[in-house]
Amino acid sequence: MVTRQSPARDRLLGELGANIERWRKLQGLSAVQLAERAHVTRDTLRALEQGTGAPRIDSVLAVLAALGIANTVVQSTDPWRSNAGRALMDEEVGVRHAARGR
């Protein structure tokens, strides 16, 4: 379990939780309904929405899947889908090609 605390981490957890709560409300789901659909406890969902606690990653993905946004979230971590990630990969490929040419 991560025990380090930082303002940036706390902010990100809070934003993620608030976004999950917004998605739930936009879909007209109660917290109990979403917890049941995701097969997590109501306490786990509450902690996730509040940005507190340490829910397991499979619980987070279950909630995101129940909301229909798991694929979008996972795809957002793909380096090919960000300018910074593509630039780093291009840089790495360039470094590899330069090393081979020696």
N, C-alpha and C. Protein backbone atom coordinates (compact mmCIF):
# COMPACT_ATOMS: atom_id res chain seq x y z
N MET A 1 0.84 -1.17 0.00
CA MET A 1 0.00 0.00 0.00
C MET A 1 0.89 1.24 0.00
N VAL A 2 0.49 2.23 -0.78
CA VAL A 2 1.23 3.49 -0.84
C VAL A 2 0.92 4.28 0.42
N THR A 3 1.96 4.71 1.10
CA THR A 3 1.74 5.50 2.31
C THR A 3 2.22 6.92 2.15
N ARG A 4 2.86 7.20 1.01
CA ARG A 4 3.33 8.56 0.77
C ARG A 4 2.14 9.47 0.48
N GLN A 5 2.19 10.65 1.01
CA GLN A 5 1.15 11.64 0.76
C GLN A 5 1.79 12.82 0.04
N SER A 6 1.09 13.37 -0.89
CA SER A 6 1.55 14.59 -1.53
C SER A 6 0.33 15.38 -1.97
N PRO A 7 0.44 16.69 -2.00
CA PRO A 7 -0.70 17.50 -2.44
C PRO A 7 -1.14 17.15 -3.87
N ALA A 8 -0.18 16.88 -4.75
CA ALA A 8 -0.53 16.55 -6.14
C ALA A 8 -1.31 15.24 -6.20
N ARG A 9 -0.86 14.24 -5.45
CA ARG A 9 -1.55 12.95 -5.44
C ARG A 9 -2.96 13.11 -4.87
N ASP A 10 -3.08 13.84 -3.78
CA ASP A 10 -4.39 14.06 -3.17
C ASP A 10 -5.33 14.78 -4.13
N ARG A 11 -4.80 15.76 -4.87
CA ARG A 11 -5.61 16.49 -5.84
C ARG A 11 -6.09 15.57 -6.95
N LEU A 12 -5.20 14.74 -7.47
CA LEU A 12 -5.57 13.82 -8.55
C LEU A 12 -6.60 12.80 -8.09
N LEU A 13 -6.42 12.26 -6.88
CA LEU A 13 -7.39 11.31 -6.35
C LEU A 13 -8.76 11.97 -6.18
N GLY A 14 -8.75 13.22 -5.71
CA GLY A 14 -10.00 13.95 -5.55
C GLY A 14 -10.69 14.22 -6.88
N GLU A 15 -9.90 14.59 -7.89
CA GLU A 15 -10.46 14.84 -9.21
C GLU A 15 -11.02 13.56 -9.83
N LEU A 16 -10.29 12.46 -9.70
CA LEU A 16 -10.77 11.20 -10.24
C LEU A 16 -12.08 10.80 -9.54
N GLY A 17 -12.10 10.91 -8.24
CA GLY A 17 -13.31 10.57 -7.49
C GLY A 17 -14.49 11.43 -7.88
N ALA A 18 -14.26 12.74 -8.01
CA ALA A 18 -15.34 13.65 -8.40
C ALA A 18 -15.85 13.32 -9.80
N ASN A 19 -14.95 12.96 -10.70
CA ASN A 19 -15.37 12.60 -12.06
C ASN A 19 -16.18 11.31 -12.06
N ILE A 20 -15.79 10.34 -11.26
CA ILE A 20 -16.56 9.10 -11.16
C ILE A 20 -17.95 9.40 -10.62
N GLU A 21 -18.02 10.23 -9.60
CA GLU A 21 -19.32 10.60 -9.04
C GLU A 21 -20.18 11.32 -10.07
N ARG A 22 -19.58 12.22 -10.86
CA ARG A 22 -20.33 12.92 -11.91
C ARG A 22 -20.88 11.94 -12.94
N TRP A 23 -20.04 10.99 -13.39
CA TRP A 23 -20.49 9.99 -14.36
C TRP A 23 -21.65 9.19 -13.78
N ARG A 24 -21.54 8.82 -12.51
CA ARG A 24 -22.61 8.05 -11.87
C ARG A 24 -23.91 8.84 -11.89
N LYS A 25 -23.84 10.10 -11.51
CA LYS A 25 -25.04 10.93 -11.44
C LYS A 25 -25.60 11.22 -12.84
N LEU A 26 -24.73 11.44 -13.81
CA LEU A 26 -25.18 11.66 -15.19
C LEU A 26 -25.96 10.46 -15.72
N GLN A 27 -25.59 9.29 -15.27
CA GLN A 27 -26.26 8.07 -15.71
C GLN A 27 -27.46 7.72 -14.83
N GLY A 28 -27.75 8.58 -13.88
CA GLY A 28 -28.92 8.37 -13.03
C GLY A 28 -28.81 7.20 -12.07
N LEU A 29 -27.58 6.87 -11.69
CA LEU A 29 -27.36 5.75 -10.79
C LEU A 29 -27.17 6.23 -9.37
N SER A 30 -27.73 5.51 -8.43
CA SER A 30 -27.41 5.77 -7.03
C SER A 30 -26.07 5.10 -6.73
N ALA A 31 -25.48 5.48 -5.63
CA ALA A 31 -24.22 4.86 -5.23
C ALA A 31 -24.41 3.37 -4.98
N VAL A 32 -25.53 3.00 -4.41
CA VAL A 32 -25.82 1.59 -4.15
C VAL A 32 -25.92 0.82 -5.47
N GLN A 33 -26.60 1.40 -6.46
CA GLN A 33 -26.75 0.73 -7.76
C GLN A 33 -25.39 0.54 -8.43
N LEU A 34 -24.56 1.57 -8.42
CA LEU A 34 -23.25 1.45 -9.07
C LEU A 34 -22.38 0.44 -8.34
N ALA A 35 -22.39 0.47 -7.02
CA ALA A 35 -21.60 -0.50 -6.26
C ALA A 35 -22.04 -1.92 -6.59
N GLU A 36 -23.34 -2.13 -6.69
CA GLU A 36 -23.84 -3.47 -7.03
C GLU A 36 -23.42 -3.88 -8.43
N ARG A 37 -23.53 -2.97 -9.39
CA ARG A 37 -23.14 -3.28 -10.78
C ARG A 37 -21.66 -3.59 -10.89
N ALA A 38 -20.85 -2.88 -10.09
CA ALA A 38 -19.40 -3.06 -10.14
C ALA A 38 -18.93 -4.21 -9.24
N HIS A 39 -19.84 -4.74 -8.44
CA HIS A 39 -19.50 -5.81 -7.49
C HIS A 39 -18.43 -5.36 -6.51
N VAL A 40 -18.61 -4.12 -6.01
CA VAL A 40 -17.75 -3.59 -4.94
C VAL A 40 -18.66 -3.17 -3.79
N THR A 41 -18.07 -2.99 -2.65
CA THR A 41 -18.88 -2.55 -1.51
C THR A 41 -19.20 -1.07 -1.65
N ARG A 42 -20.24 -0.67 -0.98
CA ARG A 42 -20.61 0.75 -0.97
C ARG A 42 -19.49 1.57 -0.35
N ASP A 43 -18.81 1.03 0.66
CA ASP A 43 -17.69 1.74 1.29
C ASP A 43 -16.54 1.94 0.31
N THR A 44 -16.28 0.94 -0.52
CA THR A 44 -15.22 1.08 -1.53
C THR A 44 -15.57 2.19 -2.51
N LEU A 45 -16.80 2.20 -2.98
CA LEU A 45 -17.23 3.24 -3.91
C LEU A 45 -17.17 4.61 -3.26
N ARG A 46 -17.61 4.71 -2.02
CA ARG A 46 -17.57 5.99 -1.31
C ARG A 46 -16.14 6.51 -1.21
N ALA A 47 -15.21 5.63 -0.83
CA ALA A 47 -13.81 6.04 -0.72
C ALA A 47 -13.26 6.48 -2.08
N LEU A 48 -13.63 5.76 -3.12
CA LEU A 48 -13.17 6.11 -4.47
C LEU A 48 -13.71 7.47 -4.88
N GLU A 49 -15.00 7.69 -4.68
CA GLU A 49 -15.60 8.97 -5.06
C GLU A 49 -15.07 10.13 -4.22
N GLN A 50 -14.69 9.87 -3.00
CA GLN A 50 -14.16 10.93 -2.14
C GLN A 50 -12.66 11.11 -2.30
N GLY A 51 -12.02 10.23 -3.05
CA GLY A 51 -10.58 10.34 -3.25
C GLY A 51 -9.78 9.96 -2.03
N THR A 52 -10.36 9.10 -1.21
CA THR A 52 -9.69 8.67 0.02
C THR A 52 -9.49 7.16 0.00
N GLY A 53 -8.79 6.67 0.97
CA GLY A 53 -8.59 5.23 1.06
C GLY A 53 -7.64 4.75 -0.01
N ALA A 54 -7.60 3.45 -0.19
CA ALA A 54 -6.71 2.85 -1.17
C ALA A 54 -7.42 1.69 -1.86
N PRO A 55 -8.40 2.00 -2.73
CA PRO A 55 -9.10 0.92 -3.41
C PRO A 55 -8.16 0.15 -4.33
N ARG A 56 -8.40 -1.13 -4.47
CA ARG A 56 -7.59 -1.95 -5.35
C ARG A 56 -7.85 -1.54 -6.79
N ILE A 57 -6.85 -1.73 -7.63
CA ILE A 57 -6.97 -1.32 -9.03
C ILE A 57 -8.09 -2.09 -9.72
N ASP A 58 -8.31 -3.35 -9.37
CA ASP A 58 -9.39 -4.09 -10.01
C ASP A 58 -10.75 -3.54 -9.58
N SER A 59 -10.84 -2.99 -8.38
CA SER A 59 -12.09 -2.35 -7.95
C SER A 59 -12.33 -1.06 -8.73
N VAL A 60 -11.26 -0.31 -8.93
CA VAL A 60 -11.38 0.94 -9.71
C VAL A 60 -11.82 0.61 -11.13
N LEU A 61 -11.19 -0.38 -11.75
CA LEU A 61 -11.57 -0.76 -13.11
C LEU A 61 -12.99 -1.31 -13.17
N ALA A 62 -13.42 -2.02 -12.14
CA ALA A 62 -14.79 -2.53 -12.11
C ALA A 62 -15.79 -1.38 -12.09
N VAL A 63 -15.51 -0.35 -11.31
CA VAL A 63 -16.40 0.81 -11.25
C VAL A 63 -16.40 1.54 -12.60
N LEU A 64 -15.21 1.73 -13.17
CA LEU A 64 -15.13 2.40 -14.47
C LEU A 64 -15.86 1.59 -15.54
N ALA A 65 -15.74 0.27 -15.49
CA ALA A 65 -16.43 -0.59 -16.47
C ALA A 65 -17.94 -0.50 -16.29
N ALA A 66 -18.39 -0.48 -15.05
CA ALA A 66 -19.82 -0.37 -14.80
C ALA A 66 -20.38 0.95 -15.30
N LEU A 67 -19.53 1.96 -15.35
CA LEU A 67 -19.93 3.27 -15.89
C LEU A 67 -19.77 3.35 -17.40
N GLY A 68 -19.11 2.33 -17.98
CA GLY A 68 -18.88 2.32 -19.43
C GLY A 68 -17.72 3.17 -19.88
N ILE A 69 -16.80 3.48 -18.99
CA ILE A 69 -15.68 4.36 -19.36
C ILE A 69 -14.31 3.72 -19.12
N ALA A 70 -14.27 2.43 -18.80
CA ALA A 70 -12.99 1.78 -18.52
C ALA A 70 -12.06 1.83 -19.73
N ASN A 71 -12.59 1.52 -20.92
CA ASN A 71 -11.73 1.52 -22.11
C ASN A 71 -11.15 2.90 -22.38
N THR A 72 -11.94 3.94 -22.18
CA THR A 72 -11.46 5.31 -22.40
C THR A 72 -10.34 5.65 -21.44
N VAL A 73 -10.50 5.27 -20.19
CA VAL A 73 -9.47 5.56 -19.19
C VAL A 73 -8.20 4.79 -19.49
N VAL A 74 -8.32 3.51 -19.80
CA VAL A 74 -7.14 2.70 -20.11
C VAL A 74 -6.45 3.23 -21.36
N GLN A 75 -7.23 3.56 -22.39
CA GLN A 75 -6.64 4.09 -23.62
C GLN A 75 -5.91 5.41 -23.38
N SER A 76 -6.36 6.18 -22.40
CA SER A 76 -5.70 7.46 -22.14
C SER A 76 -4.29 7.29 -21.60
N THR A 77 -3.95 6.08 -21.15
CA THR A 77 -2.59 5.84 -20.66
C THR A 77 -1.65 5.35 -21.77
N ASP A 78 -2.18 5.15 -22.97
CA ASP A 78 -1.38 4.68 -24.09
C ASP A 78 -0.44 5.80 -24.55
N PRO A 79 0.87 5.57 -24.52
CA PRO A 79 1.81 6.63 -24.92
C PRO A 79 1.60 7.12 -26.35
N TRP A 80 1.10 6.25 -27.23
CA TRP A 80 0.86 6.66 -28.62
C TRP A 80 -0.24 7.70 -28.72
N ARG A 81 -1.07 7.84 -27.70
CA ARG A 81 -2.19 8.77 -27.73
C ARG A 81 -1.85 10.14 -27.14
N SER A 82 -0.59 10.37 -26.82
CA SER A 82 -0.21 11.69 -26.29
C SER A 82 0.99 12.22 -27.05
N ASN A 83 1.03 13.52 -27.19
CA ASN A 83 2.17 14.15 -27.87
C ASN A 83 3.47 13.84 -27.15
N ALA A 84 3.45 13.93 -25.82
CA ALA A 84 4.67 13.68 -25.05
C ALA A 84 5.13 12.23 -25.20
N GLY A 85 4.20 11.29 -25.15
CA GLY A 85 4.56 9.88 -25.31
C GLY A 85 5.14 9.59 -26.67
N ARG A 86 4.51 10.14 -27.71
CA ARG A 86 5.03 9.92 -29.07
C ARG A 86 6.40 10.54 -29.23
N ALA A 87 6.61 11.71 -28.65
CA ALA A 87 7.92 12.36 -28.74
C ALA A 87 8.99 11.53 -28.04
N LEU A 88 8.67 10.99 -26.89
CA LEU A 88 9.64 10.15 -26.18
C LEU A 88 9.95 8.89 -26.96
N MET A 89 8.93 8.29 -27.58
CA MET A 89 9.17 7.09 -28.37
C MET A 89 10.00 7.41 -29.60
N ASP A 90 9.73 8.54 -30.25
CA ASP A 90 10.54 8.94 -31.40
C ASP A 90 11.98 9.17 -30.98
N GLU A 91 12.16 9.77 -29.81
CA GLU A 91 13.50 10.02 -29.29
C GLU A 91 14.21 8.70 -29.02
N GLU A 92 13.52 7.75 -28.41
CA GLU A 92 14.10 6.43 -28.10
C GLU A 92 14.47 5.71 -29.38
N VAL A 93 13.58 5.73 -30.36
CA VAL A 93 13.87 5.07 -31.63
C VAL A 93 15.08 5.73 -32.28
N GLY A 94 15.17 7.04 -32.23
CA GLY A 94 16.32 7.75 -32.78
C GLY A 94 17.61 7.38 -32.08
N VAL A 95 17.56 7.20 -30.76
CA VAL A 95 18.73 6.81 -30.00
C VAL A 95 19.17 5.41 -30.39
N ARG A 96 18.21 4.50 -30.55
CA ARG A 96 18.55 3.13 -30.94
C ARG A 96 19.19 3.09 -32.32
N HIS A 97 18.63 3.84 -33.25
CA HIS A 97 19.19 3.85 -34.61
C HIS A 97 20.58 4.46 -34.61
N ALA A 98 20.82 5.49 -33.82
CA ALA A 98 22.15 6.11 -33.76
C ALA A 98 23.16 5.15 -33.17
N ALA A 99 22.76 4.38 -32.17
CA ALA A 99 23.68 3.42 -31.55
C ALA A 99 24.04 2.29 -32.51
N ARG A 100 23.11 1.89 -33.34
CA ARG A 100 23.36 0.81 -34.31
C ARG A 100 24.32 1.28 -35.39
N GLY A 101 24.30 2.54 -35.69
CA GLY A 101 25.12 3.06 -36.77
C GLY A 101 26.60 3.19 -36.40
N ARG A 102 26.92 2.99 -35.14
CA ARG A 102 28.32 3.14 -34.69
C ARG A 102 29.19 2.04 -35.18
